[in-house]
Protein backbone atom coordinates (compact mmCIF):
# COMPACT_ATOMS: atom_id res chain seq x y z
CA UNK A 1 0.00 0.00 0.00
CA UNK A 2 1.22 3.49 -0.82
CA UNK A 3 0.72 6.12 1.84
CA UNK A 4 1.50 9.83 2.05
CA UNK A 5 2.94 10.06 5.54
CA UNK A 6 5.03 12.08 7.92
CA UNK A 7 8.61 10.97 8.48
CA UNK A 8 7.76 9.70 11.97
CA UNK A 9 4.90 7.69 10.49
CA UNK A 10 7.31 6.23 7.92
CA UNK A 11 9.57 5.12 10.78
CA UNK A 12 6.57 3.54 12.53
CA UNK A 13 5.45 1.70 9.38
CA UNK A 14 9.01 0.56 8.74
CA UNK A 15 9.22 -0.88 12.25
CA UNK A 16 5.92 -2.72 11.77
CA UNK A 17 7.18 -4.05 8.43
CA UNK A 18 10.31 -5.27 10.23
CA UNK A 19 8.15 -7.34 12.59
CA UNK A 20 8.60 -5.28 15.74
CA UNK A 21 7.17 -6.96 18.85
CA UNK A 22 7.37 -4.22 21.46
CA UNK A 23 7.48 -0.42 21.21
CA UNK A 24 8.16 1.81 24.21
CA UNK A 25 9.09 5.43 24.58
CA UNK A 26 8.52 8.77 26.19
CA UNK A 27 6.89 11.65 24.27
CA UNK A 28 9.19 14.39 23.06
CA UNK A 29 9.09 16.54 19.95
CA UNK A 30 10.15 15.71 17.26
CA UNK A 31 9.70 11.97 17.95
CA UNK A 32 6.21 11.67 19.46
CA UNK A 33 4.25 10.67 16.35
CA UNK A 34 6.10 7.35 15.95
CA UNK A 35 4.25 5.58 18.75
CA UNK A 36 1.01 7.42 17.97
CA UNK A 37 1.15 6.16 14.37
CA UNK A 38 1.61 2.56 15.48
CA UNK A 39 -1.34 2.97 17.84
CA UNK A 40 -3.55 4.02 14.89
CA UNK A 41 -2.43 1.20 12.57
CA UNK A 42 -3.23 -2.50 12.98
CA UNK A 43 -0.66 -3.76 15.47
CA UNK A 44 -2.07 -6.99 16.85
CA UNK A 45 0.57 -8.83 18.85
CA UNK A 46 2.68 -5.69 19.37
CA UNK A 47 2.94 -4.34 22.91
CA UNK A 48 2.82 -0.55 22.87
CA UNK A 49 3.48 1.78 25.78
CA UNK A 50 4.28 5.29 26.84
CA UNK A 51 6.74 4.54 29.62
CA UNK A 52 7.12 6.89 32.57
CA UNK A 53 10.46 8.11 31.19
CA UNK A 54 13.13 7.22 28.64
CA UNK A 55 15.18 5.14 31.08
CA UNK A 56 12.19 2.96 31.86
CA UNK A 57 11.35 2.69 28.14
CA UNK A 58 14.82 1.46 27.26
CA UNK A 59 14.93 -1.05 30.11
CA UNK A 60 11.52 -2.48 29.20
CA UNK A 61 12.71 -2.87 25.60
CA UNK A 62 16.00 -4.43 26.74
CA UNK A 63 14.15 -7.12 28.70
CA UNK A 64 12.04 -7.92 25.66
CA UNK A 65 15.11 -7.94 23.38
CA UNK A 66 16.71 -10.56 25.65
CA UNK A 67 13.93 -12.93 24.59
CA UNK A 68 14.75 -12.52 20.90
CA UNK A 69 11.86 -10.12 20.27
CA UNK A 70 12.37 -7.04 18.10
CA UNK A 71 11.97 -3.82 20.05
CA UNK A 72 11.78 -0.13 19.21
CA UNK A 73 12.41 2.69 21.70
CA UNK A 74 11.54 6.31 20.86
CA UNK A 75 12.66 9.59 22.40
CA UNK A 76 14.17 12.95 21.52
CA UNK A 77 17.84 13.78 21.91
CA UNK A 78 17.63 15.04 25.51
CA UNK A 79 15.71 11.88 26.38
CA UNK A 80 18.77 9.90 25.40
CA UNK A 81 20.55 11.54 28.34
CA UNK A 82 17.93 10.03 30.66
CA UNK A 83 18.31 6.62 29.01
CA UNK A 84 22.11 6.74 28.92
CA UNK A 85 22.67 4.74 32.11
CA UNK A 86 21.06 1.50 30.87
CA UNK A 87 22.25 2.19 27.30
CA UNK A 88 25.93 2.28 28.21
CA UNK A 89 25.66 -1.04 30.03
CA UNK A 90 23.42 -2.60 27.38
CA UNK A 91 26.06 -1.79 24.78
CA UNK A 92 28.37 -4.14 26.72
CA UNK A 93 25.81 -6.86 27.41
CA UNK A 94 24.21 -6.85 23.96
CA UNK A 95 20.81 -8.15 22.85
CA UNK A 96 19.33 -11.20 21.14
CA UNK A 97 16.43 -9.63 19.24
CA UNK A 98 16.91 -6.54 17.13
CA UNK A 99 16.71 -3.36 19.21
CA UNK A 100 16.55 0.08 17.60
CA UNK A 101 16.64 3.27 19.67
CA UNK A 102 15.23 6.27 17.82
CA UNK A 103 16.79 9.46 19.17
CA UNK A 104 15.29 12.33 17.17
CA UNK A 105 17.70 15.26 17.03
CA UNK A 106 16.41 18.83 16.98
CA UNK A 107 18.78 21.24 15.20
CA UNK A 108 17.72 24.80 15.77
CA UNK A 109 16.77 23.95 18.42
CA UNK A 110 13.09 24.25 17.57
CA UNK A 111 11.52 22.66 20.64
CA UNK A 112 14.38 21.55 22.87
CA UNK A 113 16.84 22.70 25.51
CA UNK A 114 19.89 21.62 23.51
CA UNK A 115 21.25 20.89 20.02
CA UNK A 116 22.81 17.54 20.86
CA UNK A 117 24.19 15.32 18.14
CA UNK A 118 23.23 11.67 18.65
CA UNK A 119 26.11 10.55 16.42
CA UNK A 120 28.44 11.57 19.26
CA UNK A 121 26.45 9.38 21.64
CA UNK A 122 26.75 6.41 19.26
CA UNK A 123 30.52 6.86 19.26
CA UNK A 124 30.54 7.22 23.05
CA UNK A 125 28.42 4.10 23.55
CA UNK A 126 30.34 2.24 20.77
CA UNK A 127 27.16 1.22 18.94
CA UNK A 128 26.14 1.77 15.30
CA UNK A 129 24.05 4.77 14.20
CA UNK A 130 21.87 5.24 11.12
CA UNK A 131 21.24 8.75 9.71
CA UNK A 132 18.25 8.92 7.31
CA UNK A 133 17.91 11.79 4.81
CA UNK A 134 14.18 11.58 4.02
CA UNK A 135 10.96 9.87 5.12
CA UNK A 136 11.28 7.36 2.27
CA UNK A 137 14.77 6.40 3.42
CA UNK A 138 13.66 6.30 7.05
CA UNK A 139 11.08 3.64 6.16
CA UNK A 140 13.72 1.44 4.49
CA UNK A 141 16.57 2.22 6.85
CA UNK A 142 14.73 1.37 10.07
CA UNK A 143 14.25 -2.15 8.69
CA UNK A 144 17.98 -2.36 7.93
CA UNK A 145 18.71 -1.16 11.46
CA UNK A 146 16.83 -4.15 12.92
CA UNK A 147 18.79 -6.51 10.68
CA UNK A 148 22.16 -5.06 11.70
CA UNK A 149 21.14 -5.09 15.37
CA UNK A 150 20.40 -8.80 15.24
CA UNK A 151 23.40 -9.62 13.08
CA UNK A 152 25.82 -8.04 15.56
CA UNK A 153 23.66 -8.58 18.68
CA UNK A 154 23.86 -4.93 19.68
CA UNK A 155 21.40 -2.11 20.21
CA UNK A 156 21.64 0.46 17.41
CA UNK A 157 20.76 4.16 17.29
CA UNK A 158 18.57 5.73 14.65
CA UNK A 159 18.99 9.48 14.22
CA UNK A 160 16.29 11.33 12.29
CA UNK A 161 16.31 15.11 12.65
CA UNK A 162 13.29 17.42 12.84
CA UNK A 163 13.11 18.01 9.07
CA UNK A 164 13.04 14.27 8.44
CA UNK A 165 10.63 13.53 11.30
CA UNK A 166 8.10 16.14 10.20
CA UNK A 167 8.52 16.08 6.41
CA UNK A 168 5.91 14.27 4.30
CA UNK A 169 6.46 11.80 1.47
CA UNK A 170 4.82 8.88 -0.30
CA UNK A 171 5.96 5.57 1.13
CA UNK A 172 5.32 2.13 -0.35
CA UNK A 173 4.46 0.27 2.86
CA UNK A 174 4.14 -3.46 3.28
CA UNK A 175 0.60 -4.87 3.11
CA UNK A 176 1.00 -7.64 5.65
CA UNK A 177 2.91 -6.55 8.76
CA UNK A 178 3.18 -9.33 11.34
CA UNK A 179 5.26 -9.38 14.54
CA UNK A 180 8.37 -11.55 14.42
CA UNK A 181 8.36 -14.98 16.06
CA UNK A 182 10.90 -15.18 18.88
CA UNK A 183 12.46 -17.89 21.01
CA UNK A 184 11.86 -16.55 24.50
CA UNK A 185 14.25 -15.81 27.35
CA UNK A 186 16.98 -18.39 27.86
CA UNK A 187 18.67 -18.10 31.23
CA UNK A 188 22.41 -17.52 31.03
CA UNK A 189 23.92 -15.46 33.86
CA UNK A 190 27.25 -15.50 32.08
CA UNK A 191 25.68 -13.40 29.32
CA UNK A 192 22.83 -11.39 30.83
CA UNK A 193 24.32 -10.44 34.23
CA UNK A 194 26.85 -7.63 33.88
CA UNK A 195 30.01 -8.15 35.95
CA UNK A 196 33.44 -6.50 35.61
CA UNK A 197 34.92 -9.65 34.05
CA UNK A 198 32.15 -9.78 31.44
CA UNK A 199 32.49 -6.05 30.75
CA UNK A 200 36.24 -6.37 30.22
CA UNK A 201 35.84 -9.22 27.77
CA UNK A 202 32.93 -7.60 25.94
CA UNK A 203 34.70 -4.26 25.63
CA UNK A 204 37.50 -5.94 23.71
CA UNK A 205 34.90 -7.77 21.62
CA UNK A 206 33.04 -4.53 20.85
CA UNK A 207 36.14 -2.72 19.61
CA UNK A 208 36.99 -5.60 17.28
CA UNK A 209 33.38 -5.98 16.17
CA UNK A 210 33.06 -2.29 15.32
CA UNK A 211 35.90 -2.58 12.82
CA UNK A 212 33.93 -5.40 11.21
CA UNK A 213 30.73 -3.31 11.21
CA UNK A 214 32.64 -0.45 9.57
CA UNK A 215 33.67 -2.83 6.80
CA UNK A 216 30.11 -4.08 6.52
CA UNK A 217 28.86 -0.47 6.28
CA UNK A 218 31.31 0.12 3.42
CA UNK A 219 28.94 -1.84 1.19
CA UNK A 220 25.73 -0.55 2.77
CA UNK A 221 23.17 0.49 0.16
CA UNK A 222 22.65 4.01 1.51
CA UNK A 223 26.35 4.83 1.51
CA UNK A 224 26.65 6.06 -2.08
CA UNK A 225 28.79 7.96 -4.56
CA UNK A 226 27.18 10.05 -7.30
CA UNK A 227 28.69 12.21 -10.02
CA UNK A 228 32.02 11.86 -11.78
CA UNK A 229 35.59 11.76 -10.57
CA UNK A 230 36.76 15.24 -9.68
CA UNK A 231 39.40 16.93 -7.55
CA UNK A 232 36.68 18.50 -5.45
CA UNK A 233 34.03 16.41 -3.71
CA UNK A 234 31.07 17.01 -1.45
CA UNK A 235 30.25 14.65 1.40
CA UNK A 236 26.92 14.86 3.23
CA UNK A 237 24.78 13.07 5.79
CA UNK A 238 21.21 13.22 7.02
CA UNK A 239 18.86 15.85 5.64
CA UNK A 240 21.88 17.88 4.45
CA UNK A 241 22.29 15.22 1.76
CA UNK A 242 18.80 16.05 0.45
CA UNK A 243 19.60 19.77 0.39
CA UNK A 244 22.91 19.23 -1.41
CA UNK A 245 21.40 16.80 -3.90
CA UNK A 246 18.84 19.42 -4.94
CA UNK A 247 21.66 21.77 -5.95
CA UNK A 248 24.13 19.21 -7.32
CA UNK A 249 21.64 17.64 -9.72
CA UNK A 250 22.72 20.34 -12.19
CA UNK A 251 26.42 19.56 -11.68
CA UNK A 252 26.91 15.84 -12.51
CA UNK A 253 30.65 16.44 -12.93
CA UNK A 254 31.03 16.87 -9.15
CA UNK A 255 31.65 13.81 -7.00
CA UNK A 256 28.94 13.60 -4.34
CA UNK A 257 29.48 11.20 -1.44
CA UNK A 258 26.76 10.26 1.00
CA UNK A 259 27.41 8.64 4.41
CA UNK A 260 24.31 7.22 6.09
CA UNK A 261 26.19 5.33 8.84
CA UNK A 262 28.42 7.79 10.63
CA UNK A 263 29.58 5.27 13.24
CA UNK A 264 31.40 3.00 12.81
CA UNK A 265 32.85 5.05 9.95
CA UNK A 266 32.86 3.04 6.68
CA UNK A 267 36.58 3.57 6.03
CA UNK A 268 36.99 1.32 2.98
CA UNK A 269 34.04 3.00 1.28
CA UNK A 270 35.44 6.46 1.96
CA UNK A 271 38.98 5.60 0.87
CA UNK A 272 37.69 4.37 -2.48
CA UNK A 273 35.27 7.29 -2.87
CA UNK A 274 38.04 9.82 -2.18
CA UNK A 275 40.48 8.49 -4.80
CA UNK A 276 41.75 11.45 -6.82
CA UNK A 277 40.00 13.97 -4.57
CA UNK A 278 42.11 16.85 -3.26
CA UNK A 279 39.49 18.91 -1.48
CA UNK A 280 36.24 17.89 0.20
CA UNK A 281 33.39 19.87 1.76
CA UNK A 282 31.44 18.26 4.61
CA UNK A 283 27.76 19.08 4.94
CA UNK A 284 26.21 17.93 8.21
CA UNK A 285 24.12 19.07 11.17
CA UNK A 286 25.18 19.80 14.15
CA UNK A 287 28.74 18.84 15.09
CA UNK A 288 31.67 18.33 12.70
CA UNK A 289 31.47 14.57 13.24
CA UNK A 290 32.12 13.42 9.66
CA UNK A 291 34.63 16.21 9.18
CA UNK A 292 36.67 15.03 12.14
CA UNK A 293 36.38 11.45 10.91
CA UNK A 294 37.75 12.45 7.51
CA UNK A 295 40.64 14.33 9.09
CA UNK A 296 41.54 11.24 11.12
CA UNK A 297 41.21 9.07 8.03
CA UNK A 298 43.46 11.42 6.05
CA UNK A 299 46.08 11.35 8.79
CA UNK A 300 45.90 7.60 9.21
CA UNK A 301 46.35 6.90 5.50
CA UNK A 302 48.55 9.93 4.67
CA UNK A 303 46.03 11.39 2.22
CA UNK A 304 46.77 14.76 0.60
CA UNK A 305 43.28 16.01 1.35
CA UNK A 306 41.96 19.41 2.36
CA UNK A 307 38.82 19.02 4.48
CA UNK A 308 36.39 21.94 4.83
CA UNK A 309 33.29 22.30 6.93
CA UNK A 310 32.57 23.57 10.39
CA UNK A 311 36.12 23.52 11.70
CA UNK A 312 37.35 26.10 9.18
CA UNK A 313 34.19 28.21 9.41
CA UNK A 314 32.71 27.32 6.01
CA UNK A 315 29.66 25.75 7.68
CA UNK A 316 27.94 27.11 10.80
CA UNK A 317 28.46 25.15 14.01
CA UNK A 318 24.91 25.57 15.30
CA UNK A 319 21.38 25.64 13.99
CA UNK A 320 19.69 23.89 11.08
CA UNK A 321 21.00 23.72 7.55
CA UNK A 322 18.57 24.56 4.75
CA UNK A 323 18.44 24.32 0.96
CA UNK A 324 19.17 28.02 0.27
CA UNK A 325 22.11 28.21 2.67
CA UNK A 326 23.52 24.93 1.38
CA UNK A 327 23.28 26.10 -2.25
CA UNK A 328 25.23 29.28 -1.44
CA UNK A 329 27.96 27.37 0.36
CA UNK A 330 28.21 24.82 -2.44
CA UNK A 331 28.45 27.49 -5.14
CA UNK A 332 31.28 29.22 -3.25
CA UNK A 333 33.13 25.92 -2.68
CA UNK A 334 32.75 24.66 -6.24
CA UNK A 335 33.19 28.01 -7.99
CA UNK A 336 29.86 27.52 -9.74
CA UNK A 337 27.24 30.11 -10.55
CA UNK A 338 25.51 31.30 -7.39
CA UNK A 339 21.89 30.23 -7.08
CA UNK A 340 19.39 32.64 -8.56
CA UNK A 341 17.63 34.74 -5.95
CA UNK A 342 13.91 34.24 -5.54
CA UNK A 343 11.26 36.84 -6.05
CA UNK A 344 11.95 40.31 -4.66
CA UNK A 345 10.24 40.38 -1.28
CA UNK A 346 11.71 43.69 -0.12
CA UNK A 347 8.33 45.43 -0.25
CA UNK A 348 6.56 42.72 1.70
CA UNK A 349 5.56 43.67 5.24
CA UNK A 350 7.56 42.01 7.99
CA UNK A 351 5.86 39.12 9.73
CA UNK A 352 4.72 39.97 13.25
CA UNK A 353 6.84 38.64 16.09
CA UNK A 354 4.85 35.92 17.82
CA UNK A 355 6.58 34.75 20.99
CA UNK A 356 5.27 31.51 22.51
CA UNK A 357 2.70 32.09 25.25
CA UNK A 358 0.46 30.03 27.49
CA UNK A 359 -2.89 29.44 25.77
CA UNK A 360 -5.87 31.59 26.66
CA UNK A 361 -7.56 29.89 29.59
CA UNK A 362 -4.52 27.77 30.49
CA UNK A 363 -4.80 26.80 34.17
CA UNK A 364 -1.03 27.14 34.56
CA UNK A 365 -1.38 30.92 34.17
CA UNK A 366 -3.75 30.95 37.13
CA UNK A 367 -1.41 28.77 39.22
CA UNK A 368 1.57 31.04 38.60
CA UNK A 369 -0.48 34.16 39.29
CA UNK A 370 -1.74 32.78 42.61
CA UNK A 371 1.80 32.04 43.78
CA UNK A 372 2.94 35.48 42.61
CA UNK A 373 0.16 37.22 44.51
CA UNK A 374 0.78 35.19 47.68
CA UNK A 375 4.51 35.95 47.60
CA UNK A 376 4.23 39.71 47.02
CA UNK A 377 6.90 41.46 49.07
CA UNK A 378 8.50 38.20 50.19
CA UNK A 379 11.85 36.83 49.09
CA UNK A 380 11.15 33.80 46.95
CA UNK A 381 12.67 31.68 44.19
CA UNK A 382 10.71 29.95 41.45
CA UNK A 383 12.30 26.84 39.93
CA UNK A 384 10.63 25.87 36.66
CA UNK A 385 10.73 22.71 34.61
CA UNK A 386 10.20 21.35 31.11
CA UNK A 387 6.67 21.60 29.75
CA UNK A 388 4.06 24.15 28.69
CA UNK A 389 4.61 25.83 32.05
CA UNK A 390 8.16 26.82 31.08
CA UNK A 391 6.30 29.68 29.37
CA UNK A 392 5.54 31.02 32.83
CA UNK A 393 8.85 32.85 32.42
CA UNK A 394 7.25 35.33 30.01
CA UNK A 395 6.09 38.74 31.13
CA UNK A 396 3.96 39.77 32.87
CA UNK A 397 4.04 36.53 34.92
CA UNK A 398 7.85 36.28 35.14
CA UNK A 399 7.55 33.20 37.34
CA UNK A 400 10.36 30.92 36.14
CA UNK A 401 13.76 31.77 37.62
CA UNK A 402 15.48 28.50 36.64
CA UNK A 403 14.86 25.74 34.11
CA UNK A 404 17.45 23.04 33.45
CA UNK A 405 15.96 19.67 32.51
CA UNK A 406 12.98 17.48 33.36
CA UNK A 407 12.55 17.10 37.09
CA UNK A 408 15.50 19.34 37.96
CA UNK A 409 13.34 22.13 39.36
CA UNK A 410 12.43 19.99 42.38
CA UNK A 411 16.03 19.28 43.33
CA UNK A 412 17.37 22.71 42.34
CA UNK A 413 14.89 24.33 44.74
CA UNK A 414 16.55 22.28 47.48
CA UNK A 415 19.99 23.50 46.48
CA UNK A 416 18.76 27.10 46.60
CA UNK A 417 17.29 26.49 50.05
CA UNK A 418 20.52 25.12 51.52
CA UNK A 419 22.39 28.23 50.35
CA UNK A 420 19.67 30.76 51.27
CA UNK A 421 17.32 29.70 54.04
CA UNK A 422 15.62 33.08 54.20
CA UNK A 423 13.88 32.67 50.83
CA UNK A 424 10.73 30.68 50.14
CA UNK A 425 11.69 28.20 47.44
CA UNK A 426 9.14 26.86 44.98
CA UNK A 427 9.42 24.04 42.45
CA UNK A 428 6.88 23.78 39.61
CA UNK A 429 6.34 20.46 37.83
CA UNK A 430 3.60 19.14 35.57
CA UNK A 431 1.75 15.94 36.30
CA UNK A 432 3.53 14.06 33.51
CA UNK A 433 6.92 15.43 34.56
CA UNK A 434 6.21 14.41 38.17
CA UNK A 435 5.84 10.78 37.10
CA UNK A 436 8.72 10.95 34.61
CA UNK A 437 11.45 12.42 36.77
CA UNK A 438 10.04 14.20 39.80
CA UNK A 439 9.62 11.37 42.28
CA UNK A 440 13.28 10.97 43.21
CA UNK A 441 13.61 14.71 43.81
CA UNK A 442 10.71 14.67 46.26
CA UNK A 443 12.18 11.66 48.07
CA UNK A 444 15.48 13.54 48.27
CA UNK A 445 13.78 16.60 49.75
CA UNK A 446 11.95 14.61 52.45
CA UNK A 447 14.99 12.49 53.28
CA UNK A 448 17.35 15.46 53.58
CA UNK A 449 14.83 17.67 55.44
CA UNK A 450 14.67 20.45 52.89
CA UNK A 451 12.25 23.36 53.14
CA UNK A 452 10.38 23.90 49.88
CA UNK A 453 6.96 24.15 48.30
CA UNK A 454 6.27 21.73 45.46
CA UNK A 455 3.62 22.94 43.01
CA UNK A 456 2.22 20.15 40.83
CA UNK A 457 0.51 21.72 37.82
CA UNK A 458 -1.93 18.88 37.09
CA UNK A 459 -3.73 19.42 33.79
CA UNK A 460 -4.45 15.69 33.26
CA UNK A 461 -2.31 15.24 30.17
CA UNK A 462 1.14 15.57 28.63
CA UNK A 463 0.17 18.79 26.91
CA UNK A 464 3.42 20.06 25.42
CA UNK A 465 4.08 17.05 23.21
CA UNK A 466 0.56 16.31 21.99
CA UNK A 467 -1.64 15.17 24.91
CA UNK A 468 -0.23 11.70 25.45
CA UNK A 469 -1.56 9.70 28.45
CA UNK A 470 0.50 9.15 31.59
CA UNK A 471 0.01 7.14 34.81
CA UNK A 472 -2.34 9.77 36.24
CA UNK A 473 -4.79 9.80 33.32
CA UNK A 474 -6.37 6.38 33.73
CA UNK A 475 -5.60 4.98 30.29
CA UNK A 476 -2.60 3.59 28.43
CA UNK A 477 -1.44 3.18 24.83
CA UNK A 478 -2.88 -0.33 24.56
CA UNK A 479 -6.30 1.31 24.77
CA UNK A 480 -7.01 0.00 28.26
CA UNK A 481 -8.66 1.85 31.11
CA UNK A 482 -6.32 1.46 34.08
CA UNK A 483 -6.21 2.58 37.69
CA UNK A 484 -5.04 6.16 38.01
CA UNK A 485 -1.92 6.70 40.06
CA UNK A 486 -3.00 9.28 42.65
CA UNK A 487 -0.37 12.02 42.98
CA UNK A 488 -1.56 13.04 46.45
CA UNK A 489 -1.31 9.46 47.75
CA UNK A 490 2.15 9.08 46.20
CA UNK A 491 3.30 12.25 47.95
CA UNK A 492 1.78 11.03 51.22
CA UNK A 493 3.59 7.72 50.84
CA UNK A 494 6.88 9.49 50.28
CA UNK A 495 6.37 11.42 53.53
CA UNK A 496 5.21 14.86 52.46
CA UNK A 497 3.28 16.08 55.51
CA UNK A 498 1.22 18.90 53.99
CA UNK A 499 -0.59 18.24 50.69
CA UNK A 500 -3.28 20.62 49.42
CA UNK A 501 -5.33 20.25 46.24
CA UNK A 502 -6.95 23.36 44.75
CA UNK A 503 -8.51 24.54 41.52
CA UNK A 504 -6.12 27.21 40.19
CA UNK A 505 -9.06 29.00 38.56
CA UNK A 506 -10.31 29.73 42.09
CA UNK A 507 -7.86 32.54 42.75
CA UNK A 508 -8.80 33.20 46.40
CA UNK A 509 -8.50 29.53 47.44
CA UNK A 510 -5.23 29.16 45.52
CA UNK A 511 -3.62 32.21 47.15
CA UNK A 512 -4.72 31.01 50.58
CA UNK A 513 -3.17 27.57 49.92
CA UNK A 514 0.17 29.14 48.98
CA UNK A 515 0.11 31.44 52.02
CA UNK A 516 -0.65 28.51 54.32
CA UNK A 517 2.22 26.44 52.99
CA UNK A 518 4.66 29.36 53.06
CA UNK A 519 4.19 29.62 56.86
CA UNK A 520 5.20 26.00 57.43
CA UNK A 521 8.62 24.36 57.51
CA UNK A 522 9.57 21.21 55.62
CA UNK A 523 8.36 19.82 52.30
CA UNK A 524 4.87 20.98 51.32
CA UNK A 525 2.93 20.27 48.15
CA UNK A 526 0.11 22.07 46.39
CA UNK A 527 -1.62 20.22 43.57
CA UNK A 528 -3.14 22.80 41.22
CA UNK A 529 -5.67 20.61 39.43
CA UNK A 530 -7.57 21.82 36.35
CA UNK A 531 -7.70 20.15 32.91
CA UNK A 532 -5.84 21.49 29.89
CA UNK A 533 -8.21 23.67 27.84
CA UNK A 534 -7.30 21.65 24.74
CA UNK A 535 -8.92 18.52 26.20
CA UNK A 536 -11.70 20.17 28.22
CA UNK A 537 -13.61 22.05 25.54
CA UNK A 538 -16.11 24.67 26.66
CA UNK A 539 -18.49 27.15 25.09
CA UNK A 540 -18.13 29.58 27.98
CA UNK A 541 -16.96 33.12 27.22
CA UNK A 542 -16.23 36.19 29.29
CA UNK A 543 -17.31 39.72 28.42
CA UNK A 544 -16.39 43.22 29.54
CA UNK A 545 -19.16 45.51 30.70
CA UNK A 546 -19.52 49.29 30.70
CA UNK A 547 -18.04 49.31 34.24
CA UNK A 548 -14.56 48.99 32.68
CA UNK A 549 -12.31 51.92 33.65
CA UNK A 550 -9.59 50.94 31.12
CA UNK A 551 -7.03 50.41 33.88
CA UNK A 552 -5.79 47.43 31.85
CA UNK A 553 -4.90 45.53 35.02
CA UNK A 554 -6.33 42.36 33.46
CA UNK A 555 -3.83 42.67 30.62
CA UNK A 556 -0.81 43.81 32.61
CA UNK A 557 -1.23 41.24 35.40
CA UNK A 558 -1.93 37.92 33.68
CA UNK A 559 -1.01 38.36 30.00
CA UNK A 560 -3.87 36.28 28.58
CA UNK A 561 -3.77 36.46 24.76
CA UNK A 562 -7.58 36.74 24.67
CA UNK A 563 -7.37 40.14 26.38
CA UNK A 564 -6.61 42.84 23.81
CA UNK A 565 -7.13 46.55 23.21
CA UNK A 566 -9.13 47.98 20.32
CA UNK A 567 -8.98 51.74 19.84
CA UNK A 568 -7.64 52.06 23.36
CA UNK A 569 -10.45 50.03 24.93
CA UNK A 570 -9.98 46.66 26.58
CA UNK A 571 -11.91 43.88 24.89
CA UNK A 572 -11.99 40.09 24.75
CA UNK A 573 -11.22 38.08 21.63
CA UNK A 574 -14.13 35.62 21.67
CA UNK A 575 -12.26 33.32 19.29
CA UNK A 576 -9.64 32.72 22.00
CA UNK A 577 -11.55 33.14 25.26
CA UNK A 578 -12.45 29.94 27.11
CA UNK A 579 -14.39 31.58 29.92
CA UNK A 580 -11.91 30.50 32.60
CA UNK A 581 -12.82 33.59 34.65
CA UNK A 582 -9.33 34.42 35.93
CA UNK A 583 -9.53 37.93 34.49
CA UNK A 584 -12.84 38.55 36.29
CA UNK A 585 -11.10 37.79 39.59
CA UNK A 586 -8.29 40.21 38.77
CA UNK A 587 -10.50 43.12 37.64
CA UNK A 588 -10.66 45.75 40.46
CA UNK A 589 -14.13 47.02 39.46
CA UNK A 590 -15.86 43.72 38.62
CA UNK A 591 -16.25 44.74 34.99
CA UNK A 592 -15.67 41.22 33.62
CA UNK A 593 -18.19 38.44 33.84
CA UNK A 594 -19.48 35.40 32.02
CA UNK A 595 -21.13 36.21 28.70
């Protein structure tokens, strides 16, 4: 069957075509749609789950891979940091069934904290990595990745970037996709139990095996050479290959080398491809990984080869590549005619700047505002976290003083407390983040007798990445209704003595809860519970009456995008308003009410 699909969907269909038995992961843009696609397609016999975090996802998949089953794990690049502990050990132990770990990189970054390059992680972990250039290739290459994983009994990394994950293409998908038959777990403590002696022996095996994989990759079908022999050559990987190919189609006399398997580097392939070449330009996102590999190769084999790329400033070190930028760099390197400029857009009006904001009616806005009001005039620190609520840093709320990585706000608040016991220290975490990486931080706070207020912003979903379920929602990815994990009971079990649950859209009750907790010592928790407006649709609207004195306090205090001015008068954009009523509680003259 031929389908027009997103790159992530192509990866999902490719995994199903490969006979995957188990798929686990944690949502994170740009990878989230892989598991969601499998959930929408026939997948009888395939276990599917959103795990509580990436570490758990990888360990679940590792257990299944020990049985001989094929497993797929999905995450974004920062999720690989969370999964790195089991990954580094699993690289030594190995697997029986094919195991592919999709780590979607985010050059830009567009929706991430960092611009990490997963190819570096593959090198660090000493496991192979595949680097697709398009959705069509991703569909084919993910199937190859399973084959190589089983052939060499190792987990492998699969590195699509945002422009591959979210591009669309027509993919010829298999009609009959059945899970692979597998042997089952065979006990063997000499293989599956990691001890120093086993690690020592397997490390030596891995280094020898990787040389063999590099030779195997030298004949891999997606490592290609196009064009004719020339003194100048272009080498590319990932989506940069697609950009370069678009320009070089008009220059068949230029040798064009594509590397789809950056680690282990296919040395024999490259040595043959570089015969007669004196100068090569490397096109890649993000780090100069191939460039450094070529420099090492040139030194090792005494090649008279000038290598250009990021290290000599020809290519930028950060951010995405694109077709226009790549064409300009290629024309300068090759001495060809510069690309023709597009239509003259100089007279076009500039696009308005649209910074990201919390949605109109978002309960997180109300939670932040309640804490802000309760802490007026008091020394306080606000430790944020990863999620929609990171946008609480924007004015006029200005309620995120720190944000490092998922779950870190809870433990960073403790560090601030130990260095400044006069301040009231808050940690904000979403319900999904709490389950993913917040629990250990709370245990640490109780155990070490910290003084902090934990604010759980419970909107009953994983909103930032597309409303995936989590342990507190009462359903899972297998379509089953399950028992909800009660956050308040979990906190009570950990030993948190004061736990309050309030509706953040009730401003008075929320402020009182914060004030009550701020007067107590120890670890306190406030669960601000109100559903995300994207999943709790409402026809309610607010309106502004003639009582309005145009003080604009509603706008200046909470920053709701539904509150705007027209000809100097405050009004409500009914297309955005959800009728949450927060603005009516802020208005000093009661000029706002339900329409």
